[in-house]
Amino acid sequence: MRYLTVALSKGRLTELSVELFEAIGLDCTELKGSSRKLILTDEKNKVKFFLAKPSDVPTYVEYGAADLGIVGKDTLLEEGRHLYEVLNLGFAACRMVVAGPAELQGKLDQLNNIRVATKYPRIAREYFELKRRESIEVIKLNGSVELAPLVGLSEVIVDLVESGRTLKENGLVVLDHIADISARLVVNRVSMKMESERINNIVDGIRKELEKR
């Protein structure tokens, strides 16, 4: 029996993902340790885990280097990879929004050729150009996107919002809602066919665990 390989997002999703896999009977002892090994193994269930940068998880899954993965919906929307999104895990919930200065509230439709600062250029373009039929200039940032409207780099931003506190403290408000975001379980398309029984056992186990919560 070959190993199933699971790609997990480094960061805040890791602990919650481990908790979920342990709840369905997988041994994540190595994942919780301080090992420097890149690939960690549950020998009993023939499952291997590795941690990757969140934006890389869909790539590993699409190309079959991982059979399954756990990653945020924001990353899936931005990466646009060909894979199966099989479960909404519900944790790490937040919203993808358009935000900007309070004076733009209700006036988004009146702006033309606006500059949009974001870590998510694909999501921003698809939202403005496909949904709103508006042409925009996307300014890709990697740091604090909220700074952009404050220093005149952009009129608005597209970013994740959890509590909205950072926006409020900087005089920004949500101007429009793009998508609800949370962690998702994804599966490689070929793996779903070749290892359907084992993968479906994991998917069903996680689904039942989520229903209990």
C-alpha atoms as a PDB file:
ATOM      1  CA  MET A   1       0.000   0.000   0.000  1.00  0.00           C
ATOM      2  CA  ARG A   2       1.460   3.350  -1.020  1.00  0.00           C
ATOM      3  CA  TYR A   3       1.554   6.351   1.250  1.00  0.00           C
ATOM      4  CA  LEU A   4      -1.040   9.084   0.921  1.00  0.00           C
ATOM      5  CA  THR A   5       0.656  12.483   1.084  1.00  0.00           C
ATOM      6  CA  VAL A   6      -0.939  15.512   2.721  1.00  0.00           C
ATOM      7  CA  ALA A   7       0.275  19.096   2.210  1.00  0.00           C
ATOM      8  CA  LEU A   8      -0.492  21.400   5.128  1.00  0.00           C
ATOM      9  CA  SER A   9      -0.261  25.190   5.148  1.00  0.00           C
ATOM     10  CA  LYS A  10       2.392  26.583   7.470  1.00  0.00           C
ATOM     11  CA  GLY A  11       1.132  29.091  10.007  1.00  0.00           C
ATOM     12  CA  ARG A  12      -2.221  29.450  11.704  1.00  0.00           C
ATOM     13  CA  LEU A  13      -3.852  26.577   9.793  1.00  0.00           C
ATOM     14  CA  THR A  14      -1.271  24.009  10.932  1.00  0.00           C
ATOM     15  CA  GLU A  15      -2.448  23.459  14.497  1.00  0.00           C
ATOM     16  CA  LEU A  16      -6.126  23.312  13.528  1.00  0.00           C
ATOM     17  CA  SER A  17      -5.363  20.886  10.684  1.00  0.00           C
ATOM     18  CA  VAL A  18      -3.361  18.602  12.989  1.00  0.00           C
ATOM     19  CA  GLU A  19      -6.202  18.625  15.523  1.00  0.00           C
ATOM     20  CA  LEU A  20      -8.635  17.556  12.811  1.00  0.00           C
ATOM     21  CA  PHE A  21      -6.471  14.705  11.503  1.00  0.00           C
ATOM     22  CA  GLU A  22      -5.847  13.426  15.042  1.00  0.00           C
ATOM     23  CA  ALA A  23      -9.596  13.437  15.690  1.00  0.00           C
ATOM     24  CA  ILE A  24     -10.106  10.966  12.818  1.00  0.00           C
ATOM     25  CA  GLY A  25      -7.360   8.643  14.044  1.00  0.00           C
ATOM     26  CA  LEU A  26      -4.232   9.740  12.194  1.00  0.00           C
ATOM     27  CA  ASP A  27      -0.967   9.918  14.147  1.00  0.00           C
ATOM     28  CA  CYS A  28       0.399  13.474  13.951  1.00  0.00           C
ATOM     29  CA  THR A  29       3.003  13.059  16.699  1.00  0.00           C
ATOM     30  CA  GLU A  30       5.904  13.965  14.400  1.00  0.00           C
ATOM     31  CA  LEU A  31       4.055  17.064  13.180  1.00  0.00           C
ATOM     32  CA  LYS A  32       3.720  18.352  16.739  1.00  0.00           C
ATOM     33  CA  GLY A  33       7.374  17.789  17.581  1.00  0.00           C
ATOM     34  CA  SER A  34      10.344  20.037  16.883  1.00  0.00           C
ATOM     35  CA  SER A  35      11.794  17.817  14.166  1.00  0.00           C
ATOM     36  CA  ARG A  36      13.584  19.495  11.255  1.00  0.00           C
ATOM     37  CA  LYS A  37      12.486  16.702   8.925  1.00  0.00           C
ATOM     38  CA  LEU A  38      10.612  18.038   5.903  1.00  0.00           C
ATOM     39  CA  ILE A  39       8.360  14.991   5.521  1.00  0.00           C
ATOM     40  CA  LEU A  40       6.669  13.544   8.608  1.00  0.00           C
ATOM     41  CA  THR A  41       5.095  10.115   8.655  1.00  0.00           C
ATOM     42  CA  ASP A  42       2.215   8.186  10.209  1.00  0.00           C
ATOM     43  CA  GLU A  43       3.527   4.673   9.532  1.00  0.00           C
ATOM     44  CA  LYS A  44       0.460   2.882  10.871  1.00  0.00           C
ATOM     45  CA  ASN A  45      -1.966   4.577   8.473  1.00  0.00           C
ATOM     46  CA  LYS A  46       0.586   5.003   5.666  1.00  0.00           C
ATOM     47  CA  VAL A  47       0.173   8.784   5.508  1.00  0.00           C
ATOM     48  CA  LYS A  48       2.941  11.347   4.986  1.00  0.00           C
ATOM     49  CA  PHE A  49       2.611  15.012   5.883  1.00  0.00           C
ATOM     50  CA  PHE A  50       4.643  18.035   4.881  1.00  0.00           C
ATOM     51  CA  LEU A  51       4.321  21.730   5.662  1.00  0.00           C
ATOM     52  CA  ALA A  52       4.439  24.249   2.822  1.00  0.00           C
ATOM     53  CA  LYS A  53       3.933  27.944   2.245  1.00  0.00           C
ATOM     54  CA  PRO A  54       0.138  28.376   1.869  1.00  0.00           C
ATOM     55  CA  SER A  55       0.386  29.683  -1.706  1.00  0.00           C
ATOM     56  CA  ASP A  56       2.347  26.529  -2.685  1.00  0.00           C
ATOM     57  CA  VAL A  57      -0.143  23.983  -1.296  1.00  0.00           C
ATOM     58  CA  PRO A  58      -2.514  24.083  -4.332  1.00  0.00           C
ATOM     59  CA  THR A  59       0.502  23.618  -6.636  1.00  0.00           C
ATOM     60  CA  TYR A  60       1.676  20.503  -4.780  1.00  0.00           C
ATOM     61  CA  VAL A  61      -1.854  19.084  -4.911  1.00  0.00           C
ATOM     62  CA  GLU A  62      -2.548  19.935  -8.567  1.00  0.00           C
ATOM     63  CA  TYR A  63       0.682  18.292  -9.742  1.00  0.00           C
ATOM     64  CA  GLY A  64       0.191  15.207  -7.565  1.00  0.00           C
ATOM     65  CA  ALA A  65       3.142  15.756  -5.238  1.00  0.00           C
ATOM     66  CA  ALA A  66       0.437  15.712  -2.550  1.00  0.00           C
ATOM     67  CA  ASP A  67      -2.806  13.749  -2.700  1.00  0.00           C
ATOM     68  CA  LEU A  68      -4.625  16.038  -0.297  1.00  0.00           C
ATOM     69  CA  GLY A  69      -4.077  19.490   1.135  1.00  0.00           C
ATOM     70  CA  ILE A  70      -5.527  22.000   3.574  1.00  0.00           C
ATOM     71  CA  VAL A  71      -5.420  25.618   2.473  1.00  0.00           C
ATOM     72  CA  GLY A  72      -7.400  28.859   2.739  1.00  0.00           C
ATOM     73  CA  LYS A  73     -10.084  29.658   0.170  1.00  0.00           C
ATOM     74  CA  ASP A  74      -8.270  32.964  -0.501  1.00  0.00           C
ATOM     75  CA  THR A  75      -5.245  31.018  -1.766  1.00  0.00           C
ATOM     76  CA  LEU A  76      -7.436  28.771  -3.926  1.00  0.00           C
ATOM     77  CA  LEU A  77      -9.143  31.777  -5.516  1.00  0.00           C
ATOM     78  CA  GLU A  78      -5.823  33.504  -6.150  1.00  0.00           C
ATOM     79  CA  GLU A  79      -3.977  30.454  -7.477  1.00  0.00           C
ATOM     80  CA  GLY A  80      -6.797  29.088  -9.667  1.00  0.00           C
ATOM     81  CA  ARG A  81      -5.439  25.529  -9.687  1.00  0.00           C
ATOM     82  CA  HIS A  82      -7.176  22.464 -11.140  1.00  0.00           C
ATOM     83  CA  LEU A  83      -8.090  20.296  -8.158  1.00  0.00           C
ATOM     84  CA  TYR A  84     -11.128  19.149  -6.215  1.00  0.00           C
ATOM     85  CA  GLU A  85     -12.284  21.327  -3.327  1.00  0.00           C
ATOM     86  CA  VAL A  86     -14.105  18.700  -1.273  1.00  0.00           C
ATOM     87  CA  LEU A  87     -14.825  20.241   2.133  1.00  0.00           C
ATOM     88  CA  ASN A  88     -15.271  23.613   3.756  1.00  0.00           C
ATOM     89  CA  LEU A  89     -13.530  23.038   7.104  1.00  0.00           C
ATOM     90  CA  GLY A  90     -15.012  26.191   8.624  1.00  0.00           C
ATOM     91  CA  PHE A  91     -11.992  27.321  10.630  1.00  0.00           C
ATOM     92  CA  ALA A  92      -9.799  30.387   9.961  1.00  0.00           C
ATOM     93  CA  ALA A  93     -12.962  32.150   8.797  1.00  0.00           C
ATOM     94  CA  CYS A  94     -12.762  35.706   7.470  1.00  0.00           C
ATOM     95  CA  ARG A  95     -13.942  37.770   4.474  1.00  0.00           C
ATOM     96  CA  MET A  96     -12.333  39.011   1.278  1.00  0.00           C
ATOM     97  CA  VAL A  97     -13.474  42.605   0.836  1.00  0.00           C
ATOM     98  CA  VAL A  98     -12.962  45.866  -0.988  1.00  0.00           C
ATOM     99  CA  ALA A  99     -12.096  48.545   1.567  1.00  0.00           C
ATOM    100  CA  GLY A 100     -11.217  52.205   1.455  1.00  0.00           C
ATOM    101  CA  PRO A 101     -11.739  55.592   3.111  1.00  0.00           C
ATOM    102  CA  ALA A 102     -15.159  56.171   4.706  1.00  0.00           C
ATOM    103  CA  GLU A 103     -15.919  58.980   2.228  1.00  0.00           C
ATOM    104  CA  LEU A 104     -16.080  56.376  -0.573  1.00  0.00           C
ATOM    105  CA  GLN A 105     -18.947  54.511   1.140  1.00  0.00           C
ATOM    106  CA  GLY A 106     -21.690  54.041  -1.444  1.00  0.00           C
ATOM    107  CA  LYS A 107     -19.625  55.729  -4.149  1.00  0.00           C
ATOM    108  CA  LEU A 108     -17.662  52.797  -5.534  1.00  0.00           C
ATOM    109  CA  ASP A 109     -19.715  52.855  -8.743  1.00  0.00           C
ATOM    110  CA  GLN A 110     -18.725  56.470  -9.381  1.00  0.00           C
ATOM    111  CA  LEU A 111     -14.982  55.784  -9.498  1.00  0.00           C
ATOM    112  CA  ASN A 112     -13.199  55.214 -12.817  1.00  0.00           C
ATOM    113  CA  ASN A 113      -9.797  53.619 -13.532  1.00  0.00           C
ATOM    114  CA  ILE A 114      -9.148  53.214  -9.847  1.00  0.00           C
ATOM    115  CA  ARG A 115      -5.941  51.924  -8.331  1.00  0.00           C
ATOM    116  CA  VAL A 116      -6.377  48.832  -6.167  1.00  0.00           C
ATOM    117  CA  ALA A 117      -3.635  47.770  -3.759  1.00  0.00           C
ATOM    118  CA  THR A 118      -3.697  44.095  -2.803  1.00  0.00           C
ATOM    119  CA  LYS A 119      -1.824  40.874  -2.074  1.00  0.00           C
ATOM    120  CA  TYR A 120      -4.401  39.187  -4.318  1.00  0.00           C
ATOM    121  CA  PRO A 121      -4.111  40.606  -7.870  1.00  0.00           C
ATOM    122  CA  ARG A 122      -6.075  37.779  -9.526  1.00  0.00           C
ATOM    123  CA  ILE A 123      -9.004  38.084  -7.094  1.00  0.00           C
ATOM    124  CA  ALA A 124      -9.016  41.886  -7.462  1.00  0.00           C
ATOM    125  CA  ARG A 125      -8.998  41.732 -11.266  1.00  0.00           C
ATOM    126  CA  GLU A 126     -11.700  39.078 -11.484  1.00  0.00           C
ATOM    127  CA  TYR A 127     -13.937  40.981  -9.086  1.00  0.00           C
ATOM    128  CA  PHE A 128     -13.596  44.410 -10.710  1.00  0.00           C
ATOM    129  CA  GLU A 129     -13.183  43.449 -14.356  1.00  0.00           C
ATOM    130  CA  LEU A 130     -15.499  40.430 -14.595  1.00  0.00           C
ATOM    131  CA  LYS A 131     -18.121  41.126 -11.948  1.00  0.00           C
ATOM    132  CA  ARG A 132     -18.239  44.934 -11.941  1.00  0.00           C
ATOM    133  CA  ARG A 133     -17.043  45.400 -15.540  1.00  0.00           C
ATOM    134  CA  GLU A 134     -14.619  48.101 -14.429  1.00  0.00           C
ATOM    135  CA  SER A 135     -11.031  48.557 -15.523  1.00  0.00           C
ATOM    136  CA  ILE A 136      -8.524  48.979 -12.696  1.00  0.00           C
ATOM    137  CA  GLU A 137      -4.828  49.324 -12.052  1.00  0.00           C
ATOM    138  CA  VAL A 138      -3.648  46.625  -9.660  1.00  0.00           C
ATOM    139  CA  ILE A 139      -0.778  47.480  -7.344  1.00  0.00           C
ATOM    140  CA  LYS A 140       0.682  44.294  -5.833  1.00  0.00           C
ATOM    141  CA  LEU A 141       1.864  44.648  -2.240  1.00  0.00           C
ATOM    142  CA  ASN A 142       3.274  42.089   0.171  1.00  0.00           C
ATOM    143  CA  GLY A 143       3.038  43.991   3.438  1.00  0.00           C
ATOM    144  CA  SER A 144       0.364  46.075   5.185  1.00  0.00           C
ATOM    145  CA  VAL A 145      -2.102  46.763   2.388  1.00  0.00           C
ATOM    146  CA  GLU A 146      -4.112  49.140   4.612  1.00  0.00           C
ATOM    147  CA  LEU A 147      -1.305  51.686   4.294  1.00  0.00           C
ATOM    148  CA  ALA A 148      -1.861  52.195   0.541  1.00  0.00           C
ATOM    149  CA  PRO A 149      -4.963  54.473   0.640  1.00  0.00           C
ATOM    150  CA  LEU A 150      -3.514  56.407   3.587  1.00  0.00           C
ATOM    151  CA  VAL A 151      -0.418  57.489   1.630  1.00  0.00           C
ATOM    152  CA  GLY A 152      -2.141  57.960  -1.731  1.00  0.00           C
ATOM    153  CA  LEU A 153      -0.800  54.827  -3.398  1.00  0.00           C
ATOM    154  CA  SER A 154      -4.309  53.570  -4.165  1.00  0.00           C
ATOM    155  CA  GLU A 155      -7.949  54.591  -3.821  1.00  0.00           C
ATOM    156  CA  VAL A 156      -9.049  51.227  -2.404  1.00  0.00           C
ATOM    157  CA  ILE A 157      -7.663  47.860  -1.292  1.00  0.00           C
ATOM    158  CA  VAL A 158      -8.728  44.238  -1.676  1.00  0.00           C
ATOM    159  CA  ASP A 159      -7.796  42.262   1.413  1.00  0.00           C
ATOM    160  CA  LEU A 160      -8.849  39.782   4.078  1.00  0.00           C
ATOM    161  CA  VAL A 161     -10.804  41.123   7.030  1.00  0.00           C
ATOM    162  CA  GLU A 162     -11.454  39.204  10.224  1.00  0.00           C
ATOM    163  CA  SER A 163     -12.715  41.571  12.912  1.00  0.00           C
ATOM    164  CA  GLY A 164     -12.337  44.815  10.955  1.00  0.00           C
ATOM    165  CA  ARG A 165     -10.359  46.366  13.787  1.00  0.00           C
ATOM    166  CA  THR A 166      -7.289  47.239  11.668  1.00  0.00           C
ATOM    167  CA  LEU A 167      -9.502  48.941   9.087  1.00  0.00           C
ATOM    168  CA  LYS A 168     -11.357  50.920  11.741  1.00  0.00           C
ATOM    169  CA  GLU A 169      -8.177  52.059  13.485  1.00  0.00           C
ATOM    170  CA  ASN A 170      -6.917  53.438  10.169  1.00  0.00           C
ATOM    171  CA  GLY A 171     -10.140  55.196   9.143  1.00  0.00           C
ATOM    172  CA  LEU A 172     -11.035  52.601   6.490  1.00  0.00           C
ATOM    173  CA  VAL A 173     -14.359  50.847   5.951  1.00  0.00           C
ATOM    174  CA  VAL A 174     -15.613  47.837   3.999  1.00  0.00           C
ATOM    175  CA  LEU A 175     -17.002  49.059   0.667  1.00  0.00           C
ATOM    176  CA  ASP A 176     -18.022  45.691  -0.773  1.00  0.00           C
ATOM    177  CA  HIS A 177     -17.932  41.990   0.040  1.00  0.00           C
ATOM    178  CA  ILE A 178     -16.166  39.663  -2.411  1.00  0.00           C
ATOM    179  CA  ALA A 179     -16.150  36.215  -0.772  1.00  0.00           C
ATOM    180  CA  ASP A 180     -16.369  34.304   2.492  1.00  0.00           C
ATOM    181  CA  ILE A 181     -13.026  32.697   3.265  1.00  0.00           C
ATOM    182  CA  SER A 182     -12.122  29.680   5.404  1.00  0.00           C
ATOM    183  CA  ALA A 183      -9.878  26.609   5.334  1.00  0.00           C
ATOM    184  CA  ARG A 184     -10.707  24.012   2.652  1.00  0.00           C
ATOM    185  CA  LEU A 185      -9.749  20.384   2.101  1.00  0.00           C
ATOM    186  CA  VAL A 186      -8.549  19.848  -1.464  1.00  0.00           C
ATOM    187  CA  VAL A 187      -7.736  16.655  -3.376  1.00  0.00           C
ATOM    188  CA  ASN A 188      -5.694  15.900  -6.495  1.00  0.00           C
ATOM    189  CA  ARG A 189      -7.972  14.844  -9.373  1.00  0.00           C
ATOM    190  CA  VAL A 190      -6.053  11.690 -10.293  1.00  0.00           C
ATOM    191  CA  SER A 191      -5.615  10.650  -6.649  1.00  0.00           C
ATOM    192  CA  MET A 192      -9.374  10.927  -6.146  1.00  0.00           C
ATOM    193  CA  LYS A 193      -9.824   8.240  -8.818  1.00  0.00           C
ATOM    194  CA  MET A 194      -6.827   6.013  -7.967  1.00  0.00           C
ATOM    195  CA  GLU A 195      -7.154   6.164  -4.167  1.00  0.00           C
ATOM    196  CA  SER A 196     -10.862   6.904  -3.917  1.00  0.00           C
ATOM    197  CA  GLU A 197     -11.600   4.519  -1.035  1.00  0.00           C
ATOM    198  CA  ARG A 198      -8.809   5.759   1.257  1.00  0.00           C
ATOM    199  CA  ILE A 199      -9.347   9.411   0.393  1.00  0.00           C
ATOM    200  CA  ASN A 200     -13.114   9.163   0.842  1.00  0.00           C
ATOM    201  CA  ASN A 201     -12.556   7.538   4.241  1.00  0.00           C
ATOM    202  CA  ILE A 202     -10.528  10.584   5.291  1.00  0.00           C
ATOM    203  CA  VAL A 203     -13.043  13.025   3.787  1.00  0.00           C
ATOM    204  CA  ASP A 204     -16.007  11.260   5.425  1.00  0.00           C
ATOM    205  CA  GLY A 205     -14.174  11.059   8.748  1.00  0.00           C
ATOM    206  CA  ILE A 206     -13.457  14.795   8.704  1.00  0.00           C
ATOM    207  CA  ARG A 207     -17.037  15.586   7.623  1.00  0.00           C
ATOM    208  CA  LYS A 208     -18.439  13.590  10.543  1.00  0.00           C
ATOM    209  CA  GLU A 209     -15.988  15.243  12.947  1.00  0.00           C
ATOM    210  CA  LEU A 210     -17.059  18.694  11.748  1.00  0.00           C
ATOM    211  CA  GLU A 211     -20.736  17.803  12.193  1.00  0.00           C
ATOM    212  CA  LYS A 212     -20.050  16.982  15.854  1.00  0.00           C
ATOM    213  CA  ARG A 213     -18.588  20.425  16.536  1.00  0.00           C
END
